[in-house]
Amino acid sequence: MTVVHGAAGTGQTALALHAAHRDKERYPDGQLYVDLRGGTATPRDSGEALEEFLRSPGTVQ
């Protein structure tokens, strides 16, 4: 798992998407992406987003 963190508008999304497209062959089962809405007035908590991924079907209960 990789986490990209930084101030809004500094290119985290562009970096993450570039890396994901570059390495997609290494992950034939897919990749997960979440928009944490960092540039908005109500950003999403990264811990809550991670918990949602982990509680998704087929993962840890």
PDB file of N, CA and C in Angstrom:
ATOM      1  N   MET A   1       0.840  -1.165   0.000  1.00  0.00           N
ATOM      2  CA  MET A   1       0.000   0.000   0.000  1.00  0.00           C
ATOM      3  C   MET A   1       0.891   1.236   0.000  1.00  0.00           C
ATOM      4  N   THR A   2       0.442   2.246  -0.694  1.00  0.00           N
ATOM      5  CA  THR A   2       1.160   3.512  -0.748  1.00  0.00           C
ATOM      6  C   THR A   2       0.207   4.637  -0.376  1.00  0.00           C
ATOM      7  N   VAL A   3       0.703   5.579   0.391  1.00  0.00           N
ATOM      8  CA  VAL A   3      -0.085   6.749   0.762  1.00  0.00           C
ATOM      9  C   VAL A   3       0.644   7.980   0.258  1.00  0.00           C
ATOM     10  N   VAL A   4      -0.081   8.872  -0.399  1.00  0.00           N
ATOM     11  CA  VAL A   4       0.474  10.139  -0.873  1.00  0.00           C
ATOM     12  C   VAL A   4      -0.178  11.237  -0.053  1.00  0.00           C
ATOM     13  N   HIS A   5       0.631  12.073   0.567  1.00  0.00           N
ATOM     14  CA  HIS A   5       0.113  13.098   1.468  1.00  0.00           C
ATOM     15  C   HIS A   5       0.752  14.443   1.124  1.00  0.00           C
ATOM     16  N   GLY A   6      -0.013  15.514   1.214  1.00  0.00           N
ATOM     17  CA  GLY A   6       0.527  16.847   0.972  1.00  0.00           C
ATOM     18  C   GLY A   6      -0.573  17.881   0.946  1.00  0.00           C
ATOM     19  N   ALA A   7      -0.173  19.122   0.842  1.00  0.00           N
ATOM     20  CA  ALA A   7      -1.132  20.224   0.799  1.00  0.00           C
ATOM     21  C   ALA A   7      -1.958  20.173  -0.486  1.00  0.00           C
ATOM     22  N   ALA A   8      -3.179  20.671  -0.395  1.00  0.00           N
ATOM     23  CA  ALA A   8      -4.068  20.700  -1.553  1.00  0.00           C
ATOM     24  C   ALA A   8      -3.428  21.461  -2.715  1.00  0.00           C
ATOM     25  N   GLY A   9      -3.603  20.907  -3.912  1.00  0.00           N
ATOM     26  CA  GLY A   9      -3.132  21.588  -5.109  1.00  0.00           C
ATOM     27  C   GLY A   9      -1.669  21.396  -5.441  1.00  0.00           C
ATOM     28  N   THR A  10      -0.990  20.464  -4.759  1.00  0.00           N
ATOM     29  CA  THR A  10       0.439  20.278  -5.023  1.00  0.00           C
ATOM     30  C   THR A  10       0.735  19.071  -5.906  1.00  0.00           C
ATOM     31  N   GLY A  11      -0.301  18.397  -6.408  1.00  0.00           N
ATOM     32  CA  GLY A  11      -0.098  17.344  -7.394  1.00  0.00           C
ATOM     33  C   GLY A  11      -0.138  15.913  -6.892  1.00  0.00           C
ATOM     34  N   GLN A  12      -0.689  15.668  -5.699  1.00  0.00           N
ATOM     35  CA  GLN A  12      -0.745  14.302  -5.191  1.00  0.00           C
ATOM     36  C   GLN A  12      -1.562  13.389  -6.104  1.00  0.00           C
ATOM     37  N   THR A  13      -2.714  13.849  -6.549  1.00  0.00           N
ATOM     38  CA  THR A  13      -3.564  13.025  -7.399  1.00  0.00           C
ATOM     39  C   THR A  13      -2.857  12.706  -8.704  1.00  0.00           C
ATOM     40  N   ALA A  14      -2.235  13.691  -9.315  1.00  0.00           N
ATOM     41  CA  ALA A  14      -1.514  13.457 -10.565  1.00  0.00           C
ATOM     42  C   ALA A  14      -0.402  12.436 -10.366  1.00  0.00           C
ATOM     43  N   LEU A  15       0.344  12.563  -9.280  1.00  0.00           N
ATOM     44  CA  LEU A  15       1.413  11.618  -8.980  1.00  0.00           C
ATOM     45  C   LEU A  15       0.862  10.214  -8.777  1.00  0.00           C
ATOM     46  N   ALA A  16      -0.182  10.089  -7.971  1.00  0.00           N
ATOM     47  CA  ALA A  16      -0.757   8.771  -7.682  1.00  0.00           C
ATOM     48  C   ALA A  16      -1.304   8.107  -8.944  1.00  0.00           C
ATOM     49  N   LEU A  17      -2.001   8.859  -9.770  1.00  0.00           N
ATOM     50  CA  LEU A  17      -2.555   8.290 -10.996  1.00  0.00           C
ATOM     51  C   LEU A  17      -1.455   7.912 -11.984  1.00  0.00           C
ATOM     52  N   HIS A  18      -0.424   8.726 -12.086  1.00  0.00           N
ATOM     53  CA  HIS A  18       0.711   8.407 -12.962  1.00  0.00           C
ATOM     54  C   HIS A  18       1.358   7.101 -12.518  1.00  0.00           C
ATOM     55  N   ALA A  19       1.627   6.974 -11.226  1.00  0.00           N
ATOM     56  CA  ALA A  19       2.258   5.754 -10.707  1.00  0.00           C
ATOM     57  C   ALA A  19       1.349   4.541 -10.897  1.00  0.00           C
ATOM     58  N   ALA A  20       0.053   4.718 -10.663  1.00  0.00           N
ATOM     59  CA  ALA A  20      -0.884   3.607 -10.813  1.00  0.00           C
ATOM     60  C   ALA A  20      -0.935   3.109 -12.251  1.00  0.00           C
ATOM     61  N   HIS A  21      -0.972   4.012 -13.203  1.00  0.00           N
ATOM     62  CA  HIS A  21      -1.001   3.611 -14.611  1.00  0.00           C
ATOM     63  C   HIS A  21       0.313   2.949 -15.013  1.00  0.00           C
ATOM     64  N   ARG A  22       1.420   3.444 -14.489  1.00  0.00           N
ATOM     65  CA  ARG A  22       2.727   2.880 -14.818  1.00  0.00           C
ATOM     66  C   ARG A  22       2.875   1.451 -14.301  1.00  0.00           C
ATOM     67  N   ASP A  23       2.323   1.178 -13.115  1.00  0.00           N
ATOM     68  CA  ASP A  23       2.520  -0.123 -12.476  1.00  0.00           C
ATOM     69  C   ASP A  23       1.318  -1.062 -12.556  1.00  0.00           C
ATOM     70  N   LYS A  24       0.343  -0.742 -13.388  1.00  0.00           N
ATOM     71  CA  LYS A  24      -0.892  -1.530 -13.387  1.00  0.00           C
ATOM     72  C   LYS A  24      -0.684  -3.000 -13.739  1.00  0.00           C
ATOM     73  N   GLU A  25       0.342  -3.337 -14.513  1.00  0.00           N
ATOM     74  CA  GLU A  25       0.598  -4.735 -14.860  1.00  0.00           C
ATOM     75  C   GLU A  25       0.991  -5.552 -13.638  1.00  0.00           C
ATOM     76  N   ARG A  26       1.545  -4.904 -12.617  1.00  0.00           N
ATOM     77  CA  ARG A  26       1.964  -5.600 -11.398  1.00  0.00           C
ATOM     78  C   ARG A  26       0.787  -5.964 -10.508  1.00  0.00           C
ATOM     79  N   TYR A  27      -0.397  -5.421 -10.794  1.00  0.00           N
ATOM     80  CA  TYR A  27      -1.575  -5.642  -9.959  1.00  0.00           C
ATOM     81  C   TYR A  27      -2.750  -6.096 -10.819  1.00  0.00           C
ATOM     82  N   PRO A  28      -2.703  -7.343 -11.311  1.00  0.00           N
ATOM     83  CA  PRO A  28      -3.749  -7.798 -12.239  1.00  0.00           C
ATOM     84  C   PRO A  28      -5.144  -7.864 -11.608  1.00  0.00           C
ATOM     85  N   ASP A  29      -5.229  -7.892 -10.283  1.00  0.00           N
ATOM     86  CA  ASP A  29      -6.530  -7.956  -9.625  1.00  0.00           C
ATOM     87  C   ASP A  29      -7.158  -6.583  -9.434  1.00  0.00           C
ATOM     88  N   GLY A  30      -6.450  -5.535  -9.804  1.00  0.00           N
ATOM     89  CA  GLY A  30      -7.011  -4.196  -9.729  1.00  0.00           C
ATOM     90  C   GLY A  30      -6.307  -3.299  -8.731  1.00  0.00           C
ATOM     91  N   GLN A  31      -6.729  -2.055  -8.725  1.00  0.00           N
ATOM     92  CA  GLN A  31      -6.181  -1.038  -7.838  1.00  0.00           C
ATOM     93  C   GLN A  31      -7.340  -0.278  -7.220  1.00  0.00           C
ATOM     94  N   LEU A  32      -7.094   0.322  -6.069  1.00  0.00           N
ATOM     95  CA  LEU A  32      -8.107   1.125  -5.398  1.00  0.00           C
ATOM     96  C   LEU A  32      -7.689   2.588  -5.417  1.00  0.00           C
ATOM     97  N   TYR A  33      -8.642   3.452  -5.596  1.00  0.00           N
ATOM     98  CA  TYR A  33      -8.388   4.897  -5.580  1.00  0.00           C
ATOM     99  C   TYR A  33      -9.503   5.551  -4.789  1.00  0.00           C
ATOM    100  N   VAL A  34      -9.164   6.524  -3.978  1.00  0.00           N
ATOM    101  CA  VAL A  34     -10.177   7.277  -3.239  1.00  0.00           C
ATOM    102  C   VAL A  34      -9.826   8.761  -3.291  1.00  0.00           C
ATOM    103  N   ASP A  35     -10.815   9.573  -3.561  1.00  0.00           N
ATOM    104  CA  ASP A  35     -10.635  11.021  -3.552  1.00  0.00           C
ATOM    105  C   ASP A  35     -10.924  11.505  -2.139  1.00  0.00           C
ATOM    106  N   LEU A  36      -9.914  12.033  -1.463  1.00  0.00           N
ATOM    107  CA  LEU A  36     -10.090  12.507  -0.091  1.00  0.00           C
ATOM    108  C   LEU A  36     -10.628  13.939  -0.038  1.00  0.00           C
ATOM    109  N   ARG A  37     -10.922  14.518  -1.183  1.00  0.00           N
ATOM    110  CA  ARG A  37     -11.494  15.867  -1.281  1.00  0.00           C
ATOM    111  C   ARG A  37     -10.666  16.897  -0.514  1.00  0.00           C
ATOM    112  N   GLY A  38      -9.349  16.808  -0.634  1.00  0.00           N
ATOM    113  CA  GLY A  38      -8.466  17.693   0.099  1.00  0.00           C
ATOM    114  C   GLY A  38      -8.595  19.160  -0.272  1.00  0.00           C
ATOM    115  N   GLY A  39      -9.044  19.434  -1.470  1.00  0.00           N
ATOM    116  CA  GLY A  39      -9.180  20.815  -1.901  1.00  0.00           C
ATOM    117  C   GLY A  39     -10.533  21.421  -1.615  1.00  0.00           C
ATOM    118  N   THR A  40     -11.351  20.732  -0.819  1.00  0.00           N
ATOM    119  CA  THR A  40     -12.693  21.229  -0.523  1.00  0.00           C
ATOM    120  C   THR A  40     -12.797  21.656   0.939  1.00  0.00           C
ATOM    121  N   ALA A  41     -13.931  22.225   1.271  1.00  0.00           N
ATOM    122  CA  ALA A  41     -14.157  22.671   2.653  1.00  0.00           C
ATOM    123  C   ALA A  41     -14.402  21.490   3.595  1.00  0.00           C
ATOM    124  N   THR A  42     -14.756  20.321   3.018  1.00  0.00           N
ATOM    125  CA  THR A  42     -15.027  19.138   3.842  1.00  0.00           C
ATOM    126  C   THR A  42     -14.167  17.958   3.372  1.00  0.00           C
ATOM    127  N   PRO A  43     -12.873  17.996   3.666  1.00  0.00           N
ATOM    128  CA  PRO A  43     -12.021  16.879   3.244  1.00  0.00           C
ATOM    129  C   PRO A  43     -12.419  15.592   3.963  1.00  0.00           C
ATOM    130  N   ARG A  44     -12.142  14.495   3.305  1.00  0.00           N
ATOM    131  CA  ARG A  44     -12.472  13.178   3.853  1.00  0.00           C
ATOM    132  C   ARG A  44     -11.322  12.681   4.716  1.00  0.00           C
ATOM    133  N   ASP A  45     -11.620  12.039   5.829  1.00  0.00           N
ATOM    134  CA  ASP A  45     -10.606  11.497   6.717  1.00  0.00           C
ATOM    135  C   ASP A  45      -9.983  10.253   6.074  1.00  0.00           C
ATOM    136  N   SER A  46      -8.663  10.218   5.956  1.00  0.00           N
ATOM    137  CA  SER A  46      -7.993   9.098   5.297  1.00  0.00           C
ATOM    138  C   SER A  46      -8.181   7.795   6.063  1.00  0.00           C
ATOM    139  N   GLY A  47      -8.243   7.863   7.388  1.00  0.00           N
ATOM    140  CA  GLY A  47      -8.475   6.664   8.182  1.00  0.00           C
ATOM    141  C   GLY A  47      -9.838   6.050   7.911  1.00  0.00           C
ATOM    142  N   GLU A  48     -10.846   6.886   7.774  1.00  0.00           N
ATOM    143  CA  GLU A  48     -12.186   6.391   7.459  1.00  0.00           C
ATOM    144  C   GLU A  48     -12.226   5.772   6.070  1.00  0.00           C
ATOM    145  N   ALA A  49     -11.545   6.381   5.113  1.00  0.00           N
ATOM    146  CA  ALA A  49     -11.507   5.821   3.761  1.00  0.00           C
ATOM    147  C   ALA A  49     -10.809   4.466   3.763  1.00  0.00           C
ATOM    148  N   LEU A  50      -9.712   4.354   4.491  1.00  0.00           N
ATOM    149  CA  LEU A  50      -9.000   3.080   4.591  1.00  0.00           C
ATOM    150  C   LEU A  50      -9.884   2.020   5.239  1.00  0.00           C
ATOM    151  N   GLU A  51     -10.595   2.398   6.285  1.00  0.00           N
ATOM    152  CA  GLU A  51     -11.496   1.448   6.945  1.00  0.00           C
ATOM    153  C   GLU A  51     -12.559   0.944   5.973  1.00  0.00           C
ATOM    154  N   GLU A  52     -13.100   1.821   5.141  1.00  0.00           N
ATOM    155  CA  GLU A  52     -14.089   1.401   4.144  1.00  0.00           C
ATOM    156  C   GLU A  52     -13.501   0.381   3.185  1.00  0.00           C
ATOM    157  N   PHE A  53     -12.257   0.631   2.732  1.00  0.00           N
ATOM    158  CA  PHE A  53     -11.610  -0.331   1.838  1.00  0.00           C
ATOM    159  C   PHE A  53     -11.430  -1.672   2.528  1.00  0.00           C
ATOM    160  N   LEU A  54     -10.980  -1.666   3.758  1.00  0.00           N
ATOM    161  CA  LEU A  54     -10.712  -2.907   4.470  1.00  0.00           C
ATOM    162  C   LEU A  54     -11.978  -3.667   4.821  1.00  0.00           C
ATOM    163  N   ARG A  55     -13.082  -2.965   4.961  1.00  0.00           N
ATOM    164  CA  ARG A  55     -14.347  -3.630   5.278  1.00  0.00           C
ATOM    165  C   ARG A  55     -15.151  -3.982   4.031  1.00  0.00           C
ATOM    166  N   SER A  56     -14.618  -3.666   2.860  1.00  0.00           N
ATOM    167  CA  SER A  56     -15.295  -3.999   1.608  1.00  0.00           C
ATOM    168  C   SER A  56     -15.383  -5.515   1.443  1.00  0.00           C
ATOM    169  N   PRO A  57     -16.293  -5.984   0.613  1.00  0.00           N
ATOM    170  CA  PRO A  57     -16.407  -7.429   0.400  1.00  0.00           C
ATOM    171  C   PRO A  57     -15.068  -8.057  -0.004  1.00  0.00           C
ATOM    172  N   GLY A  58     -14.781  -9.203   0.594  1.00  0.00           N
ATOM    173  CA  GLY A  58     -13.566  -9.924   0.259  1.00  0.00           C
ATOM    174  C   GLY A  58     -12.345  -9.506   1.028  1.00  0.00           C
ATOM    175  N   THR A  59     -12.500  -8.658   2.034  1.00  0.00           N
ATOM    176  CA  THR A  59     -11.361  -8.211   2.827  1.00  0.00           C
ATOM    177  C   THR A  59     -11.580  -8.533   4.294  1.00  0.00           C
ATOM    178  N   VAL A  60     -10.722  -8.066   5.152  1.00  0.00           N
ATOM    179  CA  VAL A  60     -10.785  -8.326   6.588  1.00  0.00           C
ATOM    180  C   VAL A  60     -12.107  -7.830   7.168  1.00  0.00           C
ATOM    181  N   GLN A  61     -12.670  -8.582   8.073  1.00  0.00           N
ATOM    182  CA  GLN A  61     -13.948  -8.205   8.711  1.00  0.00           C
ATOM    183  C   GLN A  61     -13.715  -7.398   9.934  1.00  0.00           C
TER     184      GLN A  61
END
